[in-house]
Protein backbone atom coordinates (compact mmCIF):
# COMPACT_ATOMS: atom_id res chain seq x y z
CA MET A 1 -138.98 -32.80 9.48
CA ALA A 2 -140.42 -29.62 11.01
CA VAL A 3 -139.71 -26.25 9.40
CA TYR A 4 -139.27 -22.98 11.31
CA ARG A 5 -140.45 -19.77 9.70
CA PHE A 6 -138.56 -16.74 11.00
CA ARG A 7 -139.27 -13.08 10.46
CA VAL A 8 -136.06 -11.06 10.24
CA THR A 9 -136.08 -7.26 10.58
CA PHE A 10 -133.34 -4.66 10.85
CA GLU A 11 -133.38 -3.00 14.25
CA ASP A 12 -132.89 0.46 12.66
CA TYR A 13 -134.83 -0.17 9.42
CA ASP A 14 -138.10 -1.77 10.49
CA ASP A 15 -139.60 -1.32 7.02
CA VAL A 16 -137.14 -3.93 5.68
CA THR A 17 -138.24 -7.47 6.51
CA ARG A 18 -137.50 -10.99 5.38
CA GLU A 19 -139.29 -14.29 6.09
CA ILE A 20 -137.09 -17.36 5.96
CA ASP A 21 -137.94 -21.05 6.30
CA VAL A 22 -135.29 -23.23 7.92
CA LYS A 23 -135.46 -26.90 8.84
CA SER A 24 -135.40 -27.52 12.57
CA ASN A 25 -132.27 -29.68 12.36
CA GLN A 26 -130.30 -27.03 10.46
CA THR A 27 -127.77 -24.85 12.24
CA PHE A 28 -127.52 -21.21 13.22
CA GLU A 29 -124.89 -20.85 10.51
CA ASP A 30 -127.49 -21.94 7.95
CA LEU A 31 -129.81 -19.19 9.20
CA HIS A 32 -126.92 -16.70 9.22
CA ARG A 33 -126.17 -17.43 5.56
CA ALA A 34 -129.84 -17.37 4.58
CA ILE A 35 -130.25 -13.89 6.07
CA HIS A 36 -127.44 -12.58 3.91
CA GLN A 37 -128.64 -14.41 0.86
CA SER A 38 -131.76 -12.26 1.31
CA THR A 39 -129.86 -8.99 1.94
CA GLY A 40 -127.08 -9.46 -0.61
CA TYR A 41 -124.37 -9.07 2.06
CA ASN A 42 -121.13 -10.99 2.26
CA PRO A 43 -121.70 -13.35 5.25
CA GLU A 44 -117.99 -13.87 5.97
CA PHE A 45 -117.79 -11.48 8.92
CA SER A 46 -117.71 -12.16 12.64
CA SER A 47 -121.33 -12.23 13.87
CA SER A 48 -123.46 -13.58 16.72
CA PHE A 49 -126.97 -14.69 17.59
CA TYR A 50 -128.15 -14.08 21.17
CA ILE A 51 -131.01 -15.95 22.79
CA SER A 52 -133.50 -13.19 23.58
CA ASN A 53 -136.68 -12.46 25.50
CA ASP A 54 -139.64 -10.30 24.45
CA GLN A 55 -137.67 -7.13 25.28
CA TRP A 56 -134.82 -8.19 22.96
CA THR A 57 -132.43 -8.55 25.88
CA LYS A 58 -129.28 -10.46 24.92
CA GLY A 59 -128.79 -13.83 26.56
CA GLU A 60 -126.59 -16.78 25.62
CA GLU A 61 -124.38 -16.12 22.59
CA ILE A 62 -123.84 -18.30 19.53
CA THR A 63 -121.10 -16.95 17.28
CA TYR A 64 -119.49 -17.15 13.84
CA LEU A 65 -115.79 -16.45 13.17
CA PRO A 66 -115.15 -15.66 16.84
CA ASN A 67 -112.31 -13.46 18.08
CA GLN A 68 -109.88 -14.75 20.67
CA ARG A 69 -111.88 -13.34 23.56
CA ARG A 70 -114.96 -15.34 22.54
CA ILE A 71 -112.86 -18.44 22.00
CA ASP A 72 -111.41 -18.05 25.51
CA ARG A 73 -114.93 -17.71 26.92
CA GLY A 74 -116.00 -20.90 25.17
CA VAL A 75 -118.84 -19.28 23.21
CA SER A 76 -120.80 -21.82 21.14
CA LEU A 77 -120.17 -21.85 17.39
CA MET A 78 -123.00 -21.43 14.87
CA ASN A 79 -121.97 -24.41 12.77
CA LYS A 80 -122.14 -26.68 15.84
CA VAL A 81 -125.54 -25.66 17.19
CA LYS A 82 -128.87 -26.77 15.69
CA LEU A 83 -131.83 -24.42 15.80
CA LEU A 84 -134.08 -26.93 17.60
CA SER A 85 -131.69 -26.80 20.59
CA PHE A 86 -132.88 -23.26 21.43
CA ILE A 87 -136.55 -23.24 20.39
CA ASP A 88 -138.37 -23.19 23.71
CA ASP A 89 -141.15 -20.77 22.77
CA PRO A 90 -143.56 -20.73 19.79
CA HIS A 91 -142.43 -17.11 19.29
CA GLN A 92 -138.79 -17.62 20.19
CA LYS A 93 -136.67 -14.51 19.60
CA PHE A 94 -133.01 -14.07 18.72
CA TYR A 95 -131.07 -10.82 18.72
CA TYR A 96 -128.57 -10.98 15.87
CA THR A 97 -125.52 -8.76 15.24
CA PHE A 98 -123.83 -9.02 11.88
CA ASN A 99 -120.23 -7.80 11.37
CA PHE A 100 -118.95 -6.42 14.68
CA ASP A 101 -116.59 -4.00 12.91
CA ARG A 102 -119.44 -2.19 11.13
CA PRO A 103 -122.50 -3.75 12.70
CA PHE A 104 -126.07 -4.20 11.61
CA ASP A 105 -128.45 -5.44 14.29
CA PHE A 106 -131.48 -7.62 13.57
CA HIS A 107 -134.52 -8.96 15.38
CA VAL A 108 -135.21 -12.59 14.46
CA GLU A 109 -138.56 -13.99 15.60
CA LEU A 110 -140.10 -17.41 15.10
CA MET A 111 -143.45 -16.89 13.34
CA LYS A 112 -144.72 -20.44 13.06
CA ILE A 113 -143.69 -24.06 12.96
CA ILE A 114 -144.58 -25.93 9.78
CA LEU A 115 -144.85 -29.62 10.48
CA ASP A 116 -143.84 -30.90 7.05
CA GLU A 117 -141.32 -29.78 4.46
CA THR A 118 -142.56 -28.61 1.06
CA PRO A 119 -141.44 -31.15 -1.57
CA GLY A 120 -138.83 -29.82 -3.99
CA THR A 121 -137.88 -26.88 -1.72
CA THR A 122 -134.25 -26.26 -0.84
CA TYR A 123 -133.82 -25.05 2.75
CA PRO A 124 -133.15 -22.48 4.04
CA SER A 125 -135.62 -20.73 1.75
CA VAL A 126 -136.46 -17.01 1.58
CA VAL A 127 -140.27 -16.98 1.25
CA LYS A 128 -140.92 -13.23 1.58
CA SER A 129 -138.84 -10.09 1.04
CA VAL A 130 -140.05 -6.54 1.77
CA GLY A 131 -137.92 -3.42 1.31
CA GLU A 132 -134.40 -2.93 0.06
CA ALA A 133 -131.60 -3.66 2.52
CA PRO A 134 -129.23 -0.73 3.19
CA LYS A 135 -125.78 -0.97 1.66
CA GLN A 136 -123.47 -3.27 3.57
CA PHE A 137 -120.89 -0.57 4.28
CA GLY A 138 -123.11 2.48 3.78
CA ASN A 139 -122.78 3.47 7.44
CA SER A 140 -118.97 3.82 7.34
CA PHE A 141 -116.86 6.90 6.65
CA ASN A 142 -113.85 6.63 4.36
CA PRO A 143 -111.62 9.72 4.71
CA THR A 144 -109.77 8.85 1.49
CA VAL A 145 -112.93 9.44 -0.50
CA LEU A 146 -113.81 12.85 0.87
CA PRO A 147 -110.62 14.43 2.26
CA PRO A 148 -111.35 17.29 4.66
CA THR A 149 -110.24 20.75 3.61
CA THR A 150 -110.13 24.12 5.31
CA GLU A 151 -113.06 25.13 3.13
CA ASP A 152 -115.19 22.61 5.00
CA PHE A 153 -114.82 24.77 8.10
CA ASP A 154 -114.80 28.22 6.48
CA PHE A 155 -118.21 29.78 7.02
CA LEU A 156 -117.27 32.65 4.71
CA ASN A 157 -116.90 30.21 1.85
CA GLU A 158 -120.17 28.53 2.81
CA MET A 159 -121.84 31.95 2.51
CA ALA A 160 -120.09 32.57 -0.83
CA PHE A 161 -118.34 35.58 0.67
CA ASN A 162 -116.16 37.56 -1.75
CA PRO A 163 -113.78 40.21 -0.31
CA GLU A 164 -114.21 42.27 -3.46
CA ASP A 165 -117.89 42.56 -2.65
CA ALA A 166 -116.98 44.20 0.66
CA GLU A 167 -114.74 46.73 -1.13
CA ASP A 168 -117.52 47.54 -3.60
CA PHE A 169 -119.95 47.99 -0.76
CA SER A 170 -117.50 50.29 1.05
CA GLU A 171 -117.04 52.41 -2.07
CA VAL A 172 -120.78 52.76 -2.54
CA THR A 173 -121.24 53.70 1.10
CA ASP A 174 -118.48 56.32 0.96
CA THR A 175 -119.77 57.98 -2.19
CA ASP A 176 -123.29 58.09 -0.85
CA GLU A 177 -122.42 59.55 2.53
CA LEU A 178 -119.38 61.76 2.07
CA PRO A 179 -120.88 64.35 -0.35
CA GLU A 180 -123.86 64.76 1.96
CA GLU A 181 -121.62 65.34 4.94
CA LYS A 182 -119.39 67.64 2.93
CA HIS A 183 -122.39 69.58 1.70
CA ALA A 184 -123.76 69.86 5.22
CA GLY A 185 -120.44 70.96 6.60
CA GLY A 186 -119.89 73.40 3.72
CA GLY A 187 -123.25 75.01 4.32
CA ASP A 188 -122.43 75.73 7.95
CA GLU A 189 -119.11 77.27 7.00
CA GLU A 190 -120.70 79.48 4.35
CA GLU A 191 -123.35 80.62 6.81
CA GLU A 192 -120.71 81.46 9.38
CA GLU A 193 -118.68 83.24 6.75
CA ASP A 194 -121.71 85.20 5.63
CA GLU A 195 -122.65 86.01 9.19
CA PHE A 196 -119.27 87.00 10.49
CA GLY A 197 -116.82 87.19 7.62
CA ASN A 198 -118.77 88.97 4.91
CA GLU A 199 -120.25 91.42 7.43
CA PHE A 200 -116.84 93.01 7.70
CA SER A 201 -115.62 92.24 4.24
CA ASP A 202 -114.97 95.94 3.72
CA ASP A 203 -112.77 96.24 6.81
CA GLU A 204 -109.80 96.61 4.54
CA GLY A 205 -110.91 100.20 3.96
CA PHE A 206 -110.47 101.18 7.60
CA ASP A 207 -107.35 102.19 9.35
CA ASP A 208 -106.56 100.45 12.58
CA ASP A 209 -107.82 103.42 14.58
CA GLU A 210 -111.05 103.63 12.61
CA ARG A 211 -111.86 99.90 12.58
CA PRO A 212 -115.10 99.25 14.57
CA SER A 213 -114.72 97.07 17.63
CA ARG A 214 -116.95 93.97 17.68
CA GLY A 215 -116.81 93.63 21.43
CA SER A 216 -117.84 97.20 22.20
CA SER A 217 -121.17 97.61 23.93
CA ASP A 218 -121.65 100.88 22.12
CA ASP A 219 -122.29 99.02 18.85
CA TYR A 220 -125.53 97.56 20.18
């Protein structure tokens, strides 16, 4: 019996690859389960293989645990379809989506056809594994684990803003600036007082008739 060797890669994690040997008369469900034996995933989720071309365009679908829409469309079931029924090319490709609720997409490519089985080998067989598969549900968000709070949207908290710091800053600013302004203002007043007030500080000694007139042109 001929054996198909497939290379399986994640579409979004091309550094994670698996090579799997499957007998030609085994089914797509056997390949489906072998893939998740190699990734550590639970295979009991609705999934589909699609016959594909070199551009990974989806063609005819072969499904596992179909929903009602697929049943109504008469989509072929994995456990009913043997791999040899769809191997038309020595590098036949299948686009594979696992778990439609939280999907991972894979590229599955036939690498070579081995004419004879290896004695003592149980098929499907994972013959090569490179890279660690991402967690099965690592791409999902569970709001019960990290409940959103108003702090998540408060940029002041993100900047570690403390209102007391603003008060301290205001106090420092006031003490630094106010005396200088007061001093500057006080100096002007003293100069004006010296120039105009102290000049006539002895006016109390004059009677009203004797008091000099500031506006008189005779004083200049």
